[in-house]
Each structure stands twice: as C-alpha cells, then as structure tokens.
Amino acid sequence: MNSTRIKKIAAVHDLSCYGRCSLTVILPILSCMGFQVCPLPTAVLSTHLGGFTNVVFHDFTHAMTDFASHWRREGIDYDCIYSGFLASAEQISVVSEFIDEFSVNRPLVLVDPVMGDEGRLYSIYTEKMQERIRQLVTKADVITPNYTEACFLLEEPYQDIAPQGDVLLSWLLRLSAMGPRQVVITGIPLPGKKLANYCYDKVSRRFSQVVRELIPARYPGTGDIFASVLLGELLLKRSLPEAMQAADCFVASAVRYTFPAGTPTREGILPETCLHRLWLPGASPAPPEE
C-alpha cells in the first residue's frame, strides 16, 4: 500500500450549522489529523438542539440510501465508518445496512451511541430506538458511550455518582461482550467533583482510566470532539489508552480556553484554539497547560 495514501472516513452524523458539534467539529479535527472525511448527513439543522428555539430541521434519511447507492456504483470504499446521533429507528437501520454494505475491506467501525446525558434519554428515544442502537453496537469495533448511555445500554440504574472499582470494570466487559473489541465510557462522575473516562481493549485485555477535576459547565459537542480525536489516534495506530489520553487532553485544553472566556455554553467549546495541536502528522495533542 502507498504510504502516502490518505485514509477515508465515512462520517454518518448530522450537520448542525451553528453550535460546534457533529460534522462542524468532526471535519476540521479529523482533517487536521490527516484523514479525508466524507460526510453522510443524517439531517441538516440551523443549530444543534441544545439551548436554541425554533430550530430548522431537514431530515436526510432517504437521501442517505441514495448517497450510499451512488458510492457503491462508483466503487468507493472507506477505511473507517463513524456514526453518531441518529434521530429515528429508520436511520439506525440505514446505518446498520451501510456498515454491512461497505465492510468488504473491513473498515474500522466506531459507533458513538448518542442517546442522552445526565441520566436522561433524549425525548425522541423510544424503546424501539434503544433496542436498535443495541443491535448497531454489535457491529462496531469501537464504541464511546457516555456514562448515561452506558447505563441504558446495560439497563443499569443511573446514579449521580457512578459505581466504583470492579463494578465499572464489569460494565466495560459487558459492553465489549456485545461485540465491540474496544470500549470507552466517558464522563463518569466520581466522588470529590471528578470526572473519569474508562476504557477496555478486548484483544490486549487491558483496562485504563483518565481522571480530571470537574469543570462546572456542560458544553454540547464535547462527545463528538472526544470521539473524533480518539478515532484519529486509533487510525494512527495508537493503543486505546494512548488514544483516550490524547482525546481527553484535547478536550481539556479547549475547555481551559472556553470556560474563562465566558463563552455561552450553547455555542460549545472552542476547538479552533487547539487545532494546531493536531497538525503534526502522528503527533498526539499536548497536555493542557496547568
């Protein structure tokens, strides 16, 4: 294989045109890391859904199948398939079929099972959608649920402070047993106003964690940013713990710029301030300044 070949990522996400989430952050991050990002839009929105009113929304579900058919006719394939927020049971089925149809060359499949946060599912998430997300997870190589989503995937009760020790490790094993070989649970609330990310790699049988002080602000899009840096690092052949550390450092760096600036939370964190950390090919983001 040509060592200068640029890997292609099919990014199955919505395009929220204002608010720094989904494709508006995925494209620059993974492009800076040296990858070609090919959007498969699930919807186009005037803004994301957090903190804005009267959002203009255009559903792209049926166009998704037309895009996929055109790509197949053109003989296009992908090194990676990366899915995020899906707004209907039909969309989840379309993505499942897309993974099947574009898996001939065994692309890396990352599914971010975006369903909710802070102990609550998003209002559109029916029991049927939850079940289809569980089925989609079985086709993934890597999944990145937040703590709330891990609770719902495993049908565990949500607690304001996560279970400690072996319980969390057992959750990682149970999620991996659903199919993925690599699992990252993000945003795990710990005692002492701390947040953690935990990961497990089925092949190496290795667990790892990153713990940080909780910053008293919640920004939309941080999950998309974290998962995108993580994915880029994995495609650069980093180990899962290394990729998780790099993603955590990048998000923390951006938050350190965003929080003191008083940026409205609905506008998301400021990845623009940190994109230079991703420019050097193969270089992990530097740790945030203390």
C-alpha atoms as a PDB file:
ATOM      1  CA  MET A   1       0.000   0.000   0.000  1.00  0.00           C
ATOM      2  CA  ASN A   2       1.166   3.531  -0.791  1.00  0.00           C
ATOM      3  CA  SER A   3       2.373   5.022   2.494  1.00  0.00           C
ATOM      4  CA  THR A   4       1.137   8.464   1.411  1.00  0.00           C
ATOM      5  CA  ARG A   5      -2.420   7.270   0.798  1.00  0.00           C
ATOM      6  CA  ILE A   6      -4.952   9.295   2.760  1.00  0.00           C
ATOM      7  CA  LYS A   7      -7.413   7.166   4.705  1.00  0.00           C
ATOM      8  CA  LYS A   8     -11.101   7.879   4.071  1.00  0.00           C
ATOM      9  CA  ILE A   9     -13.718   8.111   6.831  1.00  0.00           C
ATOM     10  CA  ALA A  10     -17.464   7.911   6.181  1.00  0.00           C
ATOM     11  CA  ALA A  11     -18.878  10.199   8.892  1.00  0.00           C
ATOM     12  CA  VAL A  12     -22.560   9.455   9.484  1.00  0.00           C
ATOM     13  CA  HIS A  13     -23.647  12.474  11.509  1.00  0.00           C
ATOM     14  CA  ASP A  14     -25.975  15.441  11.370  1.00  0.00           C
ATOM     15  CA  LEU A  15     -24.844  18.855  10.168  1.00  0.00           C
ATOM     16  CA  SER A  16     -25.824  21.394  12.833  1.00  0.00           C
ATOM     17  CA  CYS A  17     -24.776  24.626  11.156  1.00  0.00           C
ATOM     18  CA  TYR A  18     -24.268  26.610  14.364  1.00  0.00           C
ATOM     19  CA  GLY A  19     -23.077  25.483  17.763  1.00  0.00           C
ATOM     20  CA  ARG A  20     -19.869  23.451  17.322  1.00  0.00           C
ATOM     21  CA  CYS A  21     -20.978  19.847  17.293  1.00  0.00           C
ATOM     22  CA  SER A  22     -21.329  16.897  14.943  1.00  0.00           C
ATOM     23  CA  LEU A  23     -19.905  17.493  11.455  1.00  0.00           C
ATOM     24  CA  THR A  24     -18.802  21.086  12.105  1.00  0.00           C
ATOM     25  CA  VAL A  25     -16.192  19.792  14.587  1.00  0.00           C
ATOM     26  CA  ILE A  26     -15.613  16.329  13.154  1.00  0.00           C
ATOM     27  CA  LEU A  27     -14.471  17.637   9.755  1.00  0.00           C
ATOM     28  CA  PRO A  28     -11.731  20.021  10.955  1.00  0.00           C
ATOM     29  CA  ILE A  29     -10.434  17.710  13.682  1.00  0.00           C
ATOM     30  CA  LEU A  30     -10.007  14.620  11.527  1.00  0.00           C
ATOM     31  CA  SER A  31      -8.774  16.666   8.564  1.00  0.00           C
ATOM     32  CA  CYS A  32      -6.065  18.170  10.770  1.00  0.00           C
ATOM     33  CA  MET A  33      -5.102  14.662  11.810  1.00  0.00           C
ATOM     34  CA  GLY A  34      -4.544  13.705   8.163  1.00  0.00           C
ATOM     35  CA  PHE A  35      -7.764  11.994   7.081  1.00  0.00           C
ATOM     36  CA  GLN A  36     -10.335  12.585   4.357  1.00  0.00           C
ATOM     37  CA  VAL A  37     -13.754  12.952   5.966  1.00  0.00           C
ATOM     38  CA  CYS A  38     -16.689  12.104   3.692  1.00  0.00           C
ATOM     39  CA  PRO A  39     -19.982  13.179   5.308  1.00  0.00           C
ATOM     40  CA  LEU A  40     -23.090  11.044   5.068  1.00  0.00           C
ATOM     41  CA  PRO A  41     -25.520  13.613   6.551  1.00  0.00           C
ATOM     42  CA  THR A  42     -28.390  12.287   8.619  1.00  0.00           C
ATOM     43  CA  ALA A  43     -30.020  15.725   8.842  1.00  0.00           C
ATOM     44  CA  VAL A  44     -29.247  19.401   8.337  1.00  0.00           C
ATOM     45  CA  LEU A  45     -30.190  21.761  11.179  1.00  0.00           C
ATOM     46  CA  SER A  46     -29.884  25.517  11.558  1.00  0.00           C
ATOM     47  CA  THR A  47     -28.397  24.943  15.051  1.00  0.00           C
ATOM     48  CA  HIS A  48     -27.996  21.998  17.377  1.00  0.00           C
ATOM     49  CA  LEU A  49     -30.897  21.202  19.699  1.00  0.00           C
ATOM     50  CA  GLY A  50     -29.388  22.370  22.997  1.00  0.00           C
ATOM     51  CA  GLY A  51     -30.269  25.885  24.079  1.00  0.00           C
ATOM     52  CA  PHE A  52     -31.830  27.137  20.842  1.00  0.00           C
ATOM     53  CA  THR A  53     -35.519  27.535  19.960  1.00  0.00           C
ATOM     54  CA  ASN A  54     -37.457  27.005  16.723  1.00  0.00           C
ATOM     55  CA  VAL A  55     -34.621  25.025  15.173  1.00  0.00           C
ATOM     56  CA  VAL A  56     -34.978  24.488  11.405  1.00  0.00           C
ATOM     57  CA  PHE A  57     -34.590  20.772  10.685  1.00  0.00           C
ATOM     58  CA  HIS A  58     -34.343  18.893   7.368  1.00  0.00           C
ATOM     59  CA  ASP A  59     -34.343  15.093   7.587  1.00  0.00           C
ATOM     60  CA  PHE A  60     -31.898  13.373   5.204  1.00  0.00           C
ATOM     61  CA  THR A  61     -32.865   9.759   5.932  1.00  0.00           C
ATOM     62  CA  HIS A  62     -33.967   8.909   2.389  1.00  0.00           C
ATOM     63  CA  ALA A  63     -31.050  10.769   0.823  1.00  0.00           C
ATOM     64  CA  MET A  64     -28.686   8.617   2.904  1.00  0.00           C
ATOM     65  CA  THR A  65     -29.629   5.499   0.947  1.00  0.00           C
ATOM     66  CA  ASP A  66     -29.281   7.379  -2.354  1.00  0.00           C
ATOM     67  CA  PHE A  67     -25.793   8.580  -1.360  1.00  0.00           C
ATOM     68  CA  ALA A  68     -24.767   5.055  -0.388  1.00  0.00           C
ATOM     69  CA  SER A  69     -26.063   3.627  -3.673  1.00  0.00           C
ATOM     70  CA  HIS A  70     -24.089   6.202  -5.653  1.00  0.00           C
ATOM     71  CA  TRP A  71     -20.907   5.434  -3.711  1.00  0.00           C
ATOM     72  CA  ARG A  72     -21.355   1.712  -4.392  1.00  0.00           C
ATOM     73  CA  ARG A  73     -21.826   2.333  -8.127  1.00  0.00           C
ATOM     74  CA  GLU A  74     -18.641   4.407  -8.149  1.00  0.00           C
ATOM     75  CA  GLY A  75     -16.674   1.686  -6.362  1.00  0.00           C
ATOM     76  CA  ILE A  76     -15.924   3.931  -3.383  1.00  0.00           C
ATOM     77  CA  ASP A  77     -14.881   2.261  -0.155  1.00  0.00           C
ATOM     78  CA  TYR A  78     -13.826   3.519   3.264  1.00  0.00           C
ATOM     79  CA  ASP A  79     -11.146   2.787   5.817  1.00  0.00           C
ATOM     80  CA  CYS A  80     -13.486   3.767   8.633  1.00  0.00           C
ATOM     81  CA  ILE A  81     -17.198   4.206   9.299  1.00  0.00           C
ATOM     82  CA  TYR A  82     -18.040   6.609  12.136  1.00  0.00           C
ATOM     83  CA  SER A  83     -21.613   7.144  13.306  1.00  0.00           C
ATOM     84  CA  GLY A  84     -23.078   9.470  15.921  1.00  0.00           C
ATOM     85  CA  PHE A  85     -26.509  10.871  16.773  1.00  0.00           C
ATOM     86  CA  LEU A  86     -29.303   9.107  14.873  1.00  0.00           C
ATOM     87  CA  ALA A  87     -32.778  10.602  15.057  1.00  0.00           C
ATOM     88  CA  SER A  88     -35.083   7.680  14.218  1.00  0.00           C
ATOM     89  CA  ALA A  89     -35.324   3.906  14.169  1.00  0.00           C
ATOM     90  CA  GLU A  90     -35.247   4.083  10.372  1.00  0.00           C
ATOM     91  CA  GLN A  91     -31.937   5.974  10.420  1.00  0.00           C
ATOM     92  CA  ILE A  92     -30.401   3.386  12.734  1.00  0.00           C
ATOM     93  CA  SER A  93     -31.444   0.655  10.291  1.00  0.00           C
ATOM     94  CA  VAL A  94     -29.991   2.621   7.353  1.00  0.00           C
ATOM     95  CA  VAL A  95     -26.645   2.912   9.174  1.00  0.00           C
ATOM     96  CA  SER A  96     -26.688  -0.791  10.025  1.00  0.00           C
ATOM     97  CA  GLU A  97     -27.198  -1.626   6.355  1.00  0.00           C
ATOM     98  CA  PHE A  98     -24.486   0.852   5.355  1.00  0.00           C
ATOM     99  CA  ILE A  99     -21.981  -0.888   7.635  1.00  0.00           C
ATOM    100  CA  ASP A 100     -22.878  -4.249   6.075  1.00  0.00           C
ATOM    101  CA  GLU A 101     -22.620  -2.926   2.507  1.00  0.00           C
ATOM    102  CA  PHE A 102     -19.280  -1.152   2.994  1.00  0.00           C
ATOM    103  CA  SER A 103     -17.484  -3.763   5.071  1.00  0.00           C
ATOM    104  CA  VAL A 104     -15.822  -5.730   2.260  1.00  0.00           C
ATOM    105  CA  ASN A 105     -12.431  -4.155   3.044  1.00  0.00           C
ATOM    106  CA  ARG A 106     -13.004  -4.452   6.812  1.00  0.00           C
ATOM    107  CA  PRO A 107     -13.104  -0.763   7.781  1.00  0.00           C
ATOM    108  CA  LEU A 108     -12.735   0.281  11.394  1.00  0.00           C
ATOM    109  CA  VAL A 109     -16.273   0.932  12.672  1.00  0.00           C
ATOM    110  CA  LEU A 110     -16.776   3.405  15.523  1.00  0.00           C
ATOM    111  CA  VAL A 111     -20.301   3.819  16.860  1.00  0.00           C
ATOM    112  CA  ASP A 112     -20.944   6.657  19.271  1.00  0.00           C
ATOM    113  CA  PRO A 113     -24.358   5.600  20.681  1.00  0.00           C
ATOM    114  CA  VAL A 114     -25.641   9.134  21.291  1.00  0.00           C
ATOM    115  CA  MET A 115     -28.873   8.732  23.264  1.00  0.00           C
ATOM    116  CA  GLY A 116     -28.818  11.082  26.248  1.00  0.00           C
ATOM    117  CA  ASP A 117     -26.947  12.675  29.126  1.00  0.00           C
ATOM    118  CA  GLU A 118     -27.191  13.438  32.839  1.00  0.00           C
ATOM    119  CA  GLY A 119     -29.325  10.364  33.497  1.00  0.00           C
ATOM    120  CA  ARG A 120     -31.959  11.084  30.845  1.00  0.00           C
ATOM    121  CA  LEU A 121     -32.517   9.871  27.320  1.00  0.00           C
ATOM    122  CA  TYR A 122     -33.301  12.436  24.656  1.00  0.00           C
ATOM    123  CA  SER A 123     -37.048  12.837  24.270  1.00  0.00           C
ATOM    124  CA  ILE A 124     -37.156  11.195  20.820  1.00  0.00           C
ATOM    125  CA  TYR A 125     -35.537   7.957  22.037  1.00  0.00           C
ATOM    126  CA  THR A 126     -38.231   5.279  22.101  1.00  0.00           C
ATOM    127  CA  GLU A 127     -37.755   1.737  23.358  1.00  0.00           C
ATOM    128  CA  LYS A 128     -37.588   0.617  19.717  1.00  0.00           C
ATOM    129  CA  MET A 129     -34.720   3.027  19.045  1.00  0.00           C
ATOM    130  CA  GLN A 130     -32.887   1.878  22.167  1.00  0.00           C
ATOM    131  CA  GLU A 131     -33.124  -1.727  21.014  1.00  0.00           C
ATOM    132  CA  ARG A 132     -31.866  -0.864  17.525  1.00  0.00           C
ATOM    133  CA  ILE A 133     -28.929   1.044  18.981  1.00  0.00           C
ATOM    134  CA  ARG A 134     -28.026  -2.079  20.972  1.00  0.00           C
ATOM    135  CA  GLN A 135     -28.108  -4.031  17.705  1.00  0.00           C
ATOM    136  CA  LEU A 136     -25.958  -1.406  15.975  1.00  0.00           C
ATOM    137  CA  VAL A 137     -23.384  -1.624  18.764  1.00  0.00           C
ATOM    138  CA  THR A 138     -22.873  -5.318  17.939  1.00  0.00           C
ATOM    139  CA  LYS A 139     -21.442  -4.281  14.541  1.00  0.00           C
ATOM    140  CA  ALA A 140     -18.912  -1.825  15.978  1.00  0.00           C
ATOM    141  CA  ASP A 141     -15.213  -2.293  16.594  1.00  0.00           C
ATOM    142  CA  VAL A 142     -15.180   0.692  18.966  1.00  0.00           C
ATOM    143  CA  ILE A 143     -17.963   2.331  20.988  1.00  0.00           C
ATOM    144  CA  THR A 144     -17.838   5.545  23.035  1.00  0.00           C
ATOM    145  CA  PRO A 145     -20.959   5.821  25.215  1.00  0.00           C
ATOM    146  CA  ASN A 146     -21.081   8.421  27.939  1.00  0.00           C
ATOM    147  CA  TYR A 147     -21.978   7.277  31.441  1.00  0.00           C
ATOM    148  CA  THR A 148     -25.726   7.807  30.890  1.00  0.00           C
ATOM    149  CA  GLU A 149     -25.668   5.862  27.636  1.00  0.00           C
ATOM    150  CA  ALA A 150     -23.698   3.023  29.215  1.00  0.00           C
ATOM    151  CA  CYS A 151     -26.397   2.775  31.894  1.00  0.00           C
ATOM    152  CA  PHE A 152     -29.135   2.481  29.262  1.00  0.00           C
ATOM    153  CA  LEU A 153     -27.226   0.056  27.057  1.00  0.00           C
ATOM    154  CA  LEU A 154     -26.704  -2.220  30.075  1.00  0.00           C
ATOM    155  CA  GLU A 155     -30.122  -1.493  31.628  1.00  0.00           C
ATOM    156  CA  GLU A 156     -28.441  -0.343  34.818  1.00  0.00           C
ATOM    157  CA  PRO A 157     -29.915   2.361  37.098  1.00  0.00           C
ATOM    158  CA  TYR A 158     -28.325   5.787  36.741  1.00  0.00           C
ATOM    159  CA  GLN A 159     -26.666   7.152  39.896  1.00  0.00           C
ATOM    160  CA  ASP A 160     -25.318  10.668  40.402  1.00  0.00           C
ATOM    161  CA  ILE A 161     -22.011   9.097  41.483  1.00  0.00           C
ATOM    162  CA  ALA A 162     -21.001   6.094  39.426  1.00  0.00           C
ATOM    163  CA  PRO A 163     -20.372   2.686  40.982  1.00  0.00           C
ATOM    164  CA  GLN A 164     -16.745   2.242  41.926  1.00  0.00           C
ATOM    165  CA  GLY A 165     -13.984  -0.262  41.304  1.00  0.00           C
ATOM    166  CA  ASP A 166     -14.823  -3.654  39.883  1.00  0.00           C
ATOM    167  CA  VAL A 167     -18.397  -2.648  39.011  1.00  0.00           C
ATOM    168  CA  LEU A 168     -17.253  -0.199  36.331  1.00  0.00           C
ATOM    169  CA  LEU A 169     -14.753  -2.714  35.020  1.00  0.00           C
ATOM    170  CA  SER A 170     -17.534  -5.281  34.740  1.00  0.00           C
ATOM    171  CA  TRP A 171     -19.573  -2.762  32.738  1.00  0.00           C
ATOM    172  CA  LEU A 172     -16.731  -2.429  30.239  1.00  0.00           C
ATOM    173  CA  LEU A 173     -16.554  -6.212  29.918  1.00  0.00           C
ATOM    174  CA  ARG A 174     -20.309  -6.489  29.424  1.00  0.00           C
ATOM    175  CA  LEU A 175     -20.307  -3.773  26.748  1.00  0.00           C
ATOM    176  CA  SER A 176     -17.416  -5.490  24.986  1.00  0.00           C
ATOM    177  CA  ALA A 177     -19.290  -8.787  25.131  1.00  0.00           C
ATOM    178  CA  MET A 178     -21.989  -7.145  22.987  1.00  0.00           C
ATOM    179  CA  GLY A 179     -19.491  -7.123  20.092  1.00  0.00           C
ATOM    180  CA  PRO A 180     -17.004  -4.212  20.201  1.00  0.00           C
ATOM    181  CA  ARG A 181     -13.375  -5.053  20.833  1.00  0.00           C
ATOM    182  CA  GLN A 182     -12.699  -1.581  22.281  1.00  0.00           C
ATOM    183  CA  VAL A 183     -14.972   0.300  24.681  1.00  0.00           C
ATOM    184  CA  VAL A 184     -14.645   3.769  26.172  1.00  0.00           C
ATOM    185  CA  ILE A 185     -17.119   5.113  28.743  1.00  0.00           C
ATOM    186  CA  THR A 186     -16.845   8.886  29.031  1.00  0.00           C
ATOM    187  CA  GLY A 187     -17.967  11.473  31.575  1.00  0.00           C
ATOM    188  CA  ILE A 188     -18.135   9.112  34.560  1.00  0.00           C
ATOM    189  CA  PRO A 189     -18.975  11.111  37.722  1.00  0.00           C
ATOM    190  CA  LEU A 190     -16.737  10.227  40.664  1.00  0.00           C
ATOM    191  CA  PRO A 191     -16.646  11.413  44.285  1.00  0.00           C
ATOM    192  CA  GLY A 192     -14.805  14.646  45.023  1.00  0.00           C
ATOM    193  CA  LYS A 193     -16.138  16.512  41.967  1.00  0.00           C
ATOM    194  CA  LYS A 194     -14.136  14.493  39.486  1.00  0.00           C
ATOM    195  CA  LEU A 195     -14.933  13.066  36.056  1.00  0.00           C
ATOM    196  CA  ALA A 196     -13.338   9.995  34.528  1.00  0.00           C
ATOM    197  CA  ASN A 197     -13.058   8.121  31.256  1.00  0.00           C
ATOM    198  CA  TYR A 198     -12.574   4.356  31.443  1.00  0.00           C
ATOM    199  CA  CYS A 199     -11.596   2.056  28.576  1.00  0.00           C
ATOM    200  CA  TYR A 200     -11.126  -1.630  27.843  1.00  0.00           C
ATOM    201  CA  ASP A 201      -9.396  -3.383  24.937  1.00  0.00           C
ATOM    202  CA  LYS A 202     -10.595  -6.943  24.428  1.00  0.00           C
ATOM    203  CA  VAL A 203      -7.501  -8.007  22.464  1.00  0.00           C
ATOM    204  CA  SER A 204      -4.914  -6.809  24.979  1.00  0.00           C
ATOM    205  CA  ARG A 205      -7.293  -7.355  27.927  1.00  0.00           C
ATOM    206  CA  ARG A 206      -6.153  -4.010  29.227  1.00  0.00           C
ATOM    207  CA  PHE A 207      -8.174  -1.542  31.300  1.00  0.00           C
ATOM    208  CA  SER A 208      -7.220   2.108  31.639  1.00  0.00           C
ATOM    209  CA  GLN A 209      -8.642   5.344  33.043  1.00  0.00           C
ATOM    210  CA  VAL A 210      -8.166   9.102  32.978  1.00  0.00           C
ATOM    211  CA  VAL A 211      -9.477  11.245  35.850  1.00  0.00           C
ATOM    212  CA  ARG A 212      -9.861  15.046  35.879  1.00  0.00           C
ATOM    213  CA  GLU A 213     -11.332  17.751  38.076  1.00  0.00           C
ATOM    214  CA  LEU A 214     -14.926  18.595  37.165  1.00  0.00           C
ATOM    215  CA  ILE A 215     -15.361  21.986  35.477  1.00  0.00           C
ATOM    216  CA  PRO A 216     -18.799  23.412  36.424  1.00  0.00           C
ATOM    217  CA  ALA A 217     -20.094  23.828  32.875  1.00  0.00           C
ATOM    218  CA  ARG A 218     -21.541  21.372  30.359  1.00  0.00           C
ATOM    219  CA  TYR A 219     -20.920  22.112  26.696  1.00  0.00           C
ATOM    220  CA  PRO A 220     -22.627  20.440  23.734  1.00  0.00           C
ATOM    221  CA  GLY A 221     -20.369  18.743  21.232  1.00  0.00           C
ATOM    222  CA  THR A 222     -17.649  17.614  23.636  1.00  0.00           C
ATOM    223  CA  GLY A 223     -18.556  13.984  22.988  1.00  0.00           C
ATOM    224  CA  ASP A 224     -18.186  14.477  19.230  1.00  0.00           C
ATOM    225  CA  ILE A 225     -14.815  16.168  19.738  1.00  0.00           C
ATOM    226  CA  PHE A 226     -13.567  13.472  22.122  1.00  0.00           C
ATOM    227  CA  ALA A 227     -14.671  10.608  19.859  1.00  0.00           C
ATOM    228  CA  SER A 228     -13.139  12.263  16.777  1.00  0.00           C
ATOM    229  CA  VAL A 229      -9.694  12.705  18.341  1.00  0.00           C
ATOM    230  CA  LEU A 230      -9.893   9.179  19.758  1.00  0.00           C
ATOM    231  CA  LEU A 231     -10.754   7.806  16.315  1.00  0.00           C
ATOM    232  CA  GLY A 232      -7.940   9.719  14.634  1.00  0.00           C
ATOM    233  CA  GLU A 233      -5.437   8.381  17.133  1.00  0.00           C
ATOM    234  CA  LEU A 234      -6.659   4.809  16.632  1.00  0.00           C
ATOM    235  CA  LEU A 235      -6.314   5.203  12.858  1.00  0.00           C
ATOM    236  CA  LEU A 236      -2.749   6.401  13.506  1.00  0.00           C
ATOM    237  CA  LYS A 237      -2.197   3.045  15.249  1.00  0.00           C
ATOM    238  CA  ARG A 238      -2.133   4.348  18.814  1.00  0.00           C
ATOM    239  CA  SER A 239      -3.189   1.973  21.577  1.00  0.00           C
ATOM    240  CA  LEU A 240      -6.631   2.554  23.084  1.00  0.00           C
ATOM    241  CA  PRO A 241      -5.242   4.028  26.361  1.00  0.00           C
ATOM    242  CA  GLU A 242      -2.998   6.377  24.350  1.00  0.00           C
ATOM    243  CA  ALA A 243      -5.917   7.425  22.151  1.00  0.00           C
ATOM    244  CA  MET A 244      -8.147   8.046  25.165  1.00  0.00           C
ATOM    245  CA  GLN A 245      -5.445  10.131  26.851  1.00  0.00           C
ATOM    246  CA  ALA A 246      -4.957  12.214  23.689  1.00  0.00           C
ATOM    247  CA  ALA A 247      -8.699  12.825  23.301  1.00  0.00           C
ATOM    248  CA  ASP A 248      -9.033  13.782  26.951  1.00  0.00           C
ATOM    249  CA  CYS A 249      -6.098  16.213  26.710  1.00  0.00           C
ATOM    250  CA  PHE A 250      -7.515  17.880  23.607  1.00  0.00           C
ATOM    251  CA  VAL A 251     -10.975  18.391  25.143  1.00  0.00           C
ATOM    252  CA  ALA A 252      -9.447  19.619  28.415  1.00  0.00           C
ATOM    253  CA  SER A 253      -7.275  22.096  26.521  1.00  0.00           C
ATOM    254  CA  ALA A 254     -10.248  23.512  24.638  1.00  0.00           C
ATOM    255  CA  VAL A 255     -12.326  23.756  27.820  1.00  0.00           C
ATOM    256  CA  ARG A 256      -9.484  25.637  29.518  1.00  0.00           C
ATOM    257  CA  TYR A 257      -9.768  28.301  26.817  1.00  0.00           C
ATOM    258  CA  THR A 258     -13.570  28.275  26.717  1.00  0.00           C
ATOM    259  CA  PHE A 259     -14.575  28.439  30.382  1.00  0.00           C
ATOM    260  CA  PRO A 260     -12.587  31.555  31.413  1.00  0.00           C
ATOM    261  CA  ALA A 261     -13.743  33.313  28.233  1.00  0.00           C
ATOM    262  CA  GLY A 262     -17.351  33.041  29.391  1.00  0.00           C
ATOM    263  CA  THR A 263     -18.443  31.596  26.069  1.00  0.00           C
ATOM    264  CA  PRO A 264     -22.194  30.773  26.150  1.00  0.00           C
ATOM    265  CA  THR A 265     -22.479  27.054  26.764  1.00  0.00           C
ATOM    266  CA  ARG A 266     -24.849  26.572  23.838  1.00  0.00           C
ATOM    267  CA  GLU A 267     -22.012  27.626  21.479  1.00  0.00           C
ATOM    268  CA  GLY A 268     -19.867  24.699  22.625  1.00  0.00           C
ATOM    269  CA  ILE A 269     -16.179  24.624  23.469  1.00  0.00           C
ATOM    270  CA  LEU A 270     -13.569  26.337  21.281  1.00  0.00           C
ATOM    271  CA  PRO A 271     -11.670  23.635  19.370  1.00  0.00           C
ATOM    272  CA  GLU A 272     -10.379  26.331  16.998  1.00  0.00           C
ATOM    273  CA  THR A 273      -7.972  27.398  19.752  1.00  0.00           C
ATOM    274  CA  CYS A 274      -6.383  23.932  19.868  1.00  0.00           C
ATOM    275  CA  LEU A 275      -6.485  22.560  16.329  1.00  0.00           C
ATOM    276  CA  HIS A 276      -2.779  23.335  15.920  1.00  0.00           C
ATOM    277  CA  ARG A 277      -2.121  20.557  18.438  1.00  0.00           C
ATOM    278  CA  LEU A 278      -3.301  18.059  15.832  1.00  0.00           C
ATOM    279  CA  TRP A 279      -1.401  19.381  12.808  1.00  0.00           C
ATOM    280  CA  LEU A 280       1.828  17.420  13.089  1.00  0.00           C
ATOM    281  CA  PRO A 281       1.225  14.038  11.398  1.00  0.00           C
ATOM    282  CA  GLY A 282       1.094  11.327  14.001  1.00  0.00           C
ATOM    283  CA  ALA A 283       1.578  13.701  16.918  1.00  0.00           C
ATOM    284  CA  SER A 284      -0.706  13.362  19.911  1.00  0.00           C
ATOM    285  CA  PRO A 285      -2.206  16.558  21.337  1.00  0.00           C
ATOM    286  CA  ALA A 286      -0.001  18.053  24.039  1.00  0.00           C
ATOM    287  CA  PRO A 287      -1.325  18.074  27.615  1.00  0.00           C
ATOM    288  CA  PRO A 288      -3.244  21.226  28.551  1.00  0.00           C
ATOM    289  CA  GLU A 289      -1.399  23.993  30.330  1.00  0.00           C
ATOM    290  CA  GLU A 290      -1.891  23.882  34.069  1.00  0.00           C
END
